[in-house]
Amino acid sequence: MIIVAFALLHFGLKTQLSVPSSQGGIGLFLYLSGTTFFTIGLGDVVPLNAWGRVLIVADQNAEIIEPGD
């Protein structure tokens, strides 16, 4: 649920992303949120604006705040 919430926040705030090809939409934000939440962090999708970076930090720390969901 946390992954979806952060993906929707990124989507709603129109986080600018650096992506390898012409990808877009909510699926890309779900991918970004999922790889961040599970600390995979592949680096192929990167936020370019400050709010996007803030959300990434909050997304990564959400597992620490609410472990075991």
PDB file of N, CA and C in Angstrom:
ATOM      1  N   MET A   1       0.812  -1.195   0.000  1.00  0.00           N
ATOM      2  CA  MET A   1       0.000   0.000   0.000  1.00  0.00           C
ATOM      3  C   MET A   1       0.859   1.263   0.000  1.00  0.00           C
ATOM      4  N   ILE A   2       1.984   1.211   0.728  1.00  0.00           N
ATOM      5  CA  ILE A   2       2.870   2.367   0.792  1.00  0.00           C
ATOM      6  C   ILE A   2       3.455   2.666  -0.584  1.00  0.00           C
ATOM      7  N   ILE A   3       3.787   1.630  -1.330  1.00  0.00           N
ATOM      8  CA  ILE A   3       4.359   1.811  -2.667  1.00  0.00           C
ATOM      9  C   ILE A   3       3.375   2.549  -3.570  1.00  0.00           C
ATOM     10  N   VAL A   4       2.127   2.143  -3.528  1.00  0.00           N
ATOM     11  CA  VAL A   4       1.089   2.784  -4.344  1.00  0.00           C
ATOM     12  C   VAL A   4       0.895   4.236  -3.907  1.00  0.00           C
ATOM     13  N   ALA A   5       0.901   4.477  -2.605  1.00  0.00           N
ATOM     14  CA  ALA A   5       0.709   5.842  -2.100  1.00  0.00           C
ATOM     15  C   ALA A   5       1.819   6.769  -2.590  1.00  0.00           C
ATOM     16  N   PHE A   6       3.058   6.319  -2.505  1.00  0.00           N
ATOM     17  CA  PHE A   6       4.162   7.160  -2.969  1.00  0.00           C
ATOM     18  C   PHE A   6       4.159   7.306  -4.486  1.00  0.00           C
ATOM     19  N   ALA A   7       3.770   6.276  -5.196  1.00  0.00           N
ATOM     20  CA  ALA A   7       3.660   6.390  -6.654  1.00  0.00           C
ATOM     21  C   ALA A   7       2.616   7.434  -7.032  1.00  0.00           C
ATOM     22  N   LEU A   8       1.496   7.436  -6.327  1.00  0.00           N
ATOM     23  CA  LEU A   8       0.453   8.428  -6.595  1.00  0.00           C
ATOM     24  C   LEU A   8       0.909   9.840  -6.228  1.00  0.00           C
ATOM     25  N   LEU A   9       1.697   9.970  -5.162  1.00  0.00           N
ATOM     26  CA  LEU A   9       2.250  11.284  -4.814  1.00  0.00           C
ATOM     27  C   LEU A   9       3.174  11.787  -5.917  1.00  0.00           C
ATOM     28  N   HIS A  10       4.064  10.927  -6.399  1.00  0.00           N
ATOM     29  CA  HIS A  10       4.951  11.309  -7.502  1.00  0.00           C
ATOM     30  C   HIS A  10       4.143  11.694  -8.736  1.00  0.00           C
ATOM     31  N   PHE A  11       3.138  10.886  -9.052  1.00  0.00           N
ATOM     32  CA  PHE A  11       2.300  11.138 -10.223  1.00  0.00           C
ATOM     33  C   PHE A  11       1.550  12.460 -10.074  1.00  0.00           C
ATOM     34  N   GLY A  12       0.963  12.686  -8.897  1.00  0.00           N
ATOM     35  CA  GLY A  12       0.198  13.907  -8.647  1.00  0.00           C
ATOM     36  C   GLY A  12       1.055  15.164  -8.650  1.00  0.00           C
ATOM     37  N   LEU A  13       2.269  15.053  -8.134  1.00  0.00           N
ATOM     38  CA  LEU A  13       3.176  16.198  -8.102  1.00  0.00           C
ATOM     39  C   LEU A  13       3.963  16.351  -9.396  1.00  0.00           C
ATOM     40  N   LYS A  14       3.710  15.441 -10.342  1.00  0.00           N
ATOM     41  CA  LYS A  14       4.387  15.476 -11.654  1.00  0.00           C
ATOM     42  C   LYS A  14       5.907  15.515 -11.492  1.00  0.00           C
ATOM     43  N   THR A  15       6.416  14.575 -10.693  1.00  0.00           N
ATOM     44  CA  THR A  15       7.857  14.470 -10.496  1.00  0.00           C
ATOM     45  C   THR A  15       8.548  14.277 -11.841  1.00  0.00           C
ATOM     46  N   GLN A  16       9.525  15.119 -12.112  1.00  0.00           N
ATOM     47  CA  GLN A  16      10.294  14.984 -13.349  1.00  0.00           C
ATOM     48  C   GLN A  16      11.316  13.878 -13.155  1.00  0.00           C
ATOM     49  N   LEU A  17      11.378  12.960 -14.131  1.00  0.00           N
ATOM     50  CA  LEU A  17      12.255  11.809 -14.013  1.00  0.00           C
ATOM     51  C   LEU A  17      13.226  11.727 -15.173  1.00  0.00           C
ATOM     52  N   SER A  18      14.383  11.198 -14.882  1.00  0.00           N
ATOM     53  CA  SER A  18      15.336  10.832 -15.924  1.00  0.00           C
ATOM     54  C   SER A  18      15.121   9.351 -16.188  1.00  0.00           C
ATOM     55  N   VAL A  19      14.668   9.020 -17.387  1.00  0.00           N
ATOM     56  CA  VAL A  19      14.382   7.628 -17.743  1.00  0.00           C
ATOM     57  C   VAL A  19      15.149   7.256 -19.007  1.00  0.00           C
ATOM     58  N   PRO A  20      15.484   5.956 -19.161  1.00  0.00           N
ATOM     59  CA  PRO A  20      16.291   5.548 -20.310  1.00  0.00           C
ATOM     60  C   PRO A  20      15.592   5.649 -21.662  1.00  0.00           C
ATOM     61  N   SER A  21      14.283   5.583 -21.693  1.00  0.00           N
ATOM     62  CA  SER A  21      13.565   5.675 -22.967  1.00  0.00           C
ATOM     63  C   SER A  21      12.253   6.421 -22.756  1.00  0.00           C
ATOM     64  N   SER A  22      11.414   6.426 -23.760  1.00  0.00           N
ATOM     65  CA  SER A  22      10.150   7.184 -23.698  1.00  0.00           C
ATOM     66  C   SER A  22       9.090   6.434 -22.906  1.00  0.00           C
ATOM     67  N   GLN A  23       9.349   6.208 -21.635  1.00  0.00           N
ATOM     68  CA  GLN A  23       8.387   5.562 -20.757  1.00  0.00           C
ATOM     69  C   GLN A  23       7.653   6.647 -19.982  1.00  0.00           C
ATOM     70  N   GLY A  24       6.508   6.305 -19.454  1.00  0.00           N
ATOM     71  CA  GLY A  24       5.771   7.280 -18.673  1.00  0.00           C
ATOM     72  C   GLY A  24       4.558   6.662 -18.026  1.00  0.00           C
ATOM     73  N   GLY A  25       3.806   7.485 -17.347  1.00  0.00           N
ATOM     74  CA  GLY A  25       2.575   7.027 -16.729  1.00  0.00           C
ATOM     75  C   GLY A  25       2.770   6.525 -15.312  1.00  0.00           C
ATOM     76  N   ILE A  26       1.686   6.081 -14.735  1.00  0.00           N
ATOM     77  CA  ILE A  26       1.683   5.640 -13.347  1.00  0.00           C
ATOM     78  C   ILE A  26       2.547   4.406 -13.137  1.00  0.00           C
ATOM     79  N   GLY A  27       2.669   3.555 -14.149  1.00  0.00           N
ATOM     80  CA  GLY A  27       3.506   2.365 -14.034  1.00  0.00           C
ATOM     81  C   GLY A  27       4.959   2.696 -13.747  1.00  0.00           C
ATOM     82  N   LEU A  28       5.443   3.743 -14.350  1.00  0.00           N
ATOM     83  CA  LEU A  28       6.823   4.170 -14.119  1.00  0.00           C
ATOM     84  C   LEU A  28       7.010   4.641 -12.678  1.00  0.00           C
ATOM     85  N   PHE A  29       6.016   5.339 -12.136  1.00  0.00           N
ATOM     86  CA  PHE A  29       6.101   5.801 -10.753  1.00  0.00           C
ATOM     87  C   PHE A  29       5.971   4.637  -9.773  1.00  0.00           C
ATOM     88  N   LEU A  30       5.174   3.626 -10.114  1.00  0.00           N
ATOM     89  CA  LEU A  30       5.105   2.416  -9.284  1.00  0.00           C
ATOM     90  C   LEU A  30       6.454   1.708  -9.268  1.00  0.00           C
ATOM     91  N   TYR A  31       7.087   1.631 -10.421  1.00  0.00           N
ATOM     92  CA  TYR A  31       8.410   1.018 -10.530  1.00  0.00           C
ATOM     93  C   TYR A  31       9.420   1.777  -9.676  1.00  0.00           C
ATOM     94  N   LEU A  32       9.426   3.099  -9.779  1.00  0.00           N
ATOM     95  CA  LEU A  32      10.339   3.930  -8.996  1.00  0.00           C
ATOM     96  C   LEU A  32      10.111   3.734  -7.504  1.00  0.00           C
ATOM     97  N   SER A  33       8.860   3.777  -7.094  1.00  0.00           N
ATOM     98  CA  SER A  33       8.530   3.625  -5.679  1.00  0.00           C
ATOM     99  C   SER A  33       8.884   2.228  -5.171  1.00  0.00           C
ATOM    100  N   GLY A  34       8.606   1.220  -5.971  1.00  0.00           N
ATOM    101  CA  GLY A  34       8.915  -0.164  -5.569  1.00  0.00           C
ATOM    102  C   GLY A  34      10.402  -0.416  -5.427  1.00  0.00           C
ATOM    103  N   THR A  35      11.181   0.030  -6.407  1.00  0.00           N
ATOM    104  CA  THR A  35      12.635  -0.195  -6.319  1.00  0.00           C
ATOM    105  C   THR A  35      13.250   0.602  -5.178  1.00  0.00           C
ATOM    106  N   THR A  36      12.661   1.727  -4.830  1.00  0.00           N
ATOM    107  CA  THR A  36      13.148   2.510  -3.698  1.00  0.00           C
ATOM    108  C   THR A  36      12.744   1.871  -2.382  1.00  0.00           C
ATOM    109  N   PHE A  37      11.478   1.482  -2.265  1.00  0.00           N
ATOM    110  CA  PHE A  37      10.948   0.913  -1.027  1.00  0.00           C
ATOM    111  C   PHE A  37      11.686  -0.364  -0.635  1.00  0.00           C
ATOM    112  N   PHE A  38      11.941  -1.220  -1.614  1.00  0.00           N
ATOM    113  CA  PHE A  38      12.621  -2.481  -1.332  1.00  0.00           C
ATOM    114  C   PHE A  38      14.141  -2.336  -1.386  1.00  0.00           C
ATOM    115  N   THR A  39      14.630  -1.110  -1.413  1.00  0.00           N
ATOM    116  CA  THR A  39      16.045  -0.731  -1.425  1.00  0.00           C
ATOM    117  C   THR A  39      16.834  -1.403  -2.541  1.00  0.00           C
ATOM    118  N   ILE A  40      16.185  -1.645  -3.659  1.00  0.00           N
ATOM    119  CA  ILE A  40      16.886  -2.169  -4.828  1.00  0.00           C
ATOM    120  C   ILE A  40      17.644  -1.032  -5.496  1.00  0.00           C
ATOM    121  N   GLY A  41      16.960   0.097  -5.709  1.00  0.00           N
ATOM    122  CA  GLY A  41      17.591   1.295  -6.241  1.00  0.00           C
ATOM    123  C   GLY A  41      18.440   1.063  -7.469  1.00  0.00           C
ATOM    124  N   LEU A  42      17.848   0.638  -8.554  1.00  0.00           N
ATOM    125  CA  LEU A  42      18.593   0.307  -9.757  1.00  0.00           C
ATOM    126  C   LEU A  42      19.255   1.506 -10.414  1.00  0.00           C
ATOM    127  N   GLY A  43      18.711   2.695 -10.235  1.00  0.00           N
ATOM    128  CA  GLY A  43      19.323   3.896 -10.775  1.00  0.00           C
ATOM    129  C   GLY A  43      18.947   4.215 -12.203  1.00  0.00           C
ATOM    130  N   ASP A  44      18.089   3.419 -12.807  1.00  0.00           N
ATOM    131  CA  ASP A  44      17.693   3.700 -14.187  1.00  0.00           C
ATOM    132  C   ASP A  44      16.604   4.758 -14.271  1.00  0.00           C
ATOM    133  N   VAL A  45      15.858   4.963 -13.189  1.00  0.00           N
ATOM    134  CA  VAL A  45      14.843   6.018 -13.111  1.00  0.00           C
ATOM    135  C   VAL A  45      15.211   6.898 -11.922  1.00  0.00           C
ATOM    136  N   VAL A  46      15.454   8.180 -12.194  1.00  0.00           N
ATOM    137  CA  VAL A  46      15.953   9.084 -11.157  1.00  0.00           C
ATOM    138  C   VAL A  46      15.126  10.372 -11.170  1.00  0.00           C
ATOM    139  N   PRO A  47      14.645  10.831  -9.990  1.00  0.00           N
ATOM    140  CA  PRO A  47      13.924  12.105  -9.950  1.00  0.00           C
ATOM    141  C   PRO A  47      14.878  13.273 -10.209  1.00  0.00           C
ATOM    142  N   LEU A  48      14.397  14.262 -10.948  1.00  0.00           N
ATOM    143  CA  LEU A  48      15.225  15.408 -11.306  1.00  0.00           C
ATOM    144  C   LEU A  48      14.920  16.661 -10.500  1.00  0.00           C
ATOM    145  N   ASN A  49      13.747  16.706  -9.854  1.00  0.00           N
ATOM    146  CA  ASN A  49      13.398  17.908  -9.098  1.00  0.00           C
ATOM    147  C   ASN A  49      13.453  17.638  -7.593  1.00  0.00           C
ATOM    148  N   ALA A  50      13.463  18.721  -6.825  1.00  0.00           N
ATOM    149  CA  ALA A  50      13.635  18.611  -5.375  1.00  0.00           C
ATOM    150  C   ALA A  50      12.524  17.818  -4.696  1.00  0.00           C
ATOM    151  N   TRP A  51      11.263  18.063  -5.059  1.00  0.00           N
ATOM    152  CA  TRP A  51      10.160  17.333  -4.421  1.00  0.00           C
ATOM    153  C   TRP A  51      10.235  15.846  -4.711  1.00  0.00           C
ATOM    154  N   GLY A  52      10.657  15.497  -5.900  1.00  0.00           N
ATOM    155  CA  GLY A  52      10.835  14.082  -6.229  1.00  0.00           C
ATOM    156  C   GLY A  52      11.885  13.427  -5.352  1.00  0.00           C
ATOM    157  N   ARG A  53      12.965  14.141  -5.102  1.00  0.00           N
ATOM    158  CA  ARG A  53      14.031  13.615  -4.243  1.00  0.00           C
ATOM    159  C   ARG A  53      13.565  13.482  -2.797  1.00  0.00           C
ATOM    160  N   VAL A  54      12.781  14.445  -2.335  1.00  0.00           N
ATOM    161  CA  VAL A  54      12.233  14.381  -0.975  1.00  0.00           C
ATOM    162  C   VAL A  54      11.324  13.155  -0.839  1.00  0.00           C
ATOM    163  N   LEU A  55      10.496  12.918  -1.833  1.00  0.00           N
ATOM    164  CA  LEU A  55       9.609  11.749  -1.784  1.00  0.00           C
ATOM    165  C   LEU A  55      10.393  10.442  -1.792  1.00  0.00           C
ATOM    166  N   ILE A  56      11.497  10.401  -2.514  1.00  0.00           N
ATOM    167  CA  ILE A  56      12.324   9.195  -2.531  1.00  0.00           C
ATOM    168  C   ILE A  56      12.870   8.899  -1.136  1.00  0.00           C
ATOM    169  N   VAL A  57      13.345   9.919  -0.459  1.00  0.00           N
ATOM    170  CA  VAL A  57      13.866   9.733   0.899  1.00  0.00           C
ATOM    171  C   VAL A  57      12.746   9.275   1.837  1.00  0.00           C
ATOM    172  N   ALA A  58      11.583   9.896   1.732  1.00  0.00           N
ATOM    173  CA  ALA A  58      10.446   9.502   2.569  1.00  0.00           C
ATOM    174  C   ALA A  58       9.999   8.080   2.258  1.00  0.00           C
ATOM    175  N   ASP A  59       9.987   7.710   0.986  1.00  0.00           N
ATOM    176  CA  ASP A  59       9.598   6.364   0.563  1.00  0.00           C
ATOM    177  C   ASP A  59      10.548   5.330   1.154  1.00  0.00           C
ATOM    178  N   GLN A  60      11.824   5.596   1.097  1.00  0.00           N
ATOM    179  CA  GLN A  60      12.805   4.646   1.620  1.00  0.00           C
ATOM    180  C   GLN A  60      12.695   4.510   3.132  1.00  0.00           C
ATOM    181  N   ASN A  61      12.368   5.586   3.819  1.00  0.00           N
ATOM    182  CA  ASN A  61      12.250   5.548   5.272  1.00  0.00           C
ATOM    183  C   ASN A  61      10.904   5.035   5.753  1.00  0.00           C
ATOM    184  N   ALA A  62       9.943   4.873   4.869  1.00  0.00           N
ATOM    185  CA  ALA A  62       8.615   4.400   5.274  1.00  0.00           C
ATOM    186  C   ALA A  62       8.683   2.983   5.832  1.00  0.00           C
ATOM    187  N   GLU A  63       9.549   2.144   5.343  1.00  0.00           N
ATOM    188  CA  GLU A  63       9.691   0.785   5.869  1.00  0.00           C
ATOM    189  C   GLU A  63      10.265   0.802   7.275  1.00  0.00           C
ATOM    190  N   ILE A  64      11.123   1.762   7.556  1.00  0.00           N
ATOM    191  CA  ILE A  64      11.693   1.873   8.911  1.00  0.00           C
ATOM    192  C   ILE A  64      10.625   2.337   9.888  1.00  0.00           C
ATOM    193  N   ILE A  65       9.781   3.266   9.447  1.00  0.00           N
ATOM    194  CA  ILE A  65       8.747   3.822  10.307  1.00  0.00           C
ATOM    195  C   ILE A  65       7.641   2.807  10.580  1.00  0.00           C
ATOM    196  N   GLU A  66       7.221   2.070   9.557  1.00  0.00           N
ATOM    197  CA  GLU A  66       6.149   1.073   9.701  1.00  0.00           C
ATOM    198  C   GLU A  66       6.646  -0.289   9.226  1.00  0.00           C
ATOM    199  N   PRO A  67       7.504  -0.940   9.984  1.00  0.00           N
ATOM    200  CA  PRO A  67       8.037  -2.225   9.550  1.00  0.00           C
ATOM    201  C   PRO A  67       7.009  -3.346   9.596  1.00  0.00           C
ATOM    202  N   GLY A  68       7.180  -4.306   8.731  1.00  0.00           N
ATOM    203  CA  GLY A  68       6.382  -5.511   8.774  1.00  0.00           C
ATOM    204  C   GLY A  68       4.973  -5.433   8.276  1.00  0.00           C
ATOM    205  N   ASP A  69       4.629  -4.451   7.454  1.00  0.00           N
ATOM    206  CA  ASP A  69       3.261  -4.379   6.915  1.00  0.00           C
ATOM    207  C   ASP A  69       3.005  -5.413   5.891  1.00  0.00           C
TER     208      ASP A  69
END
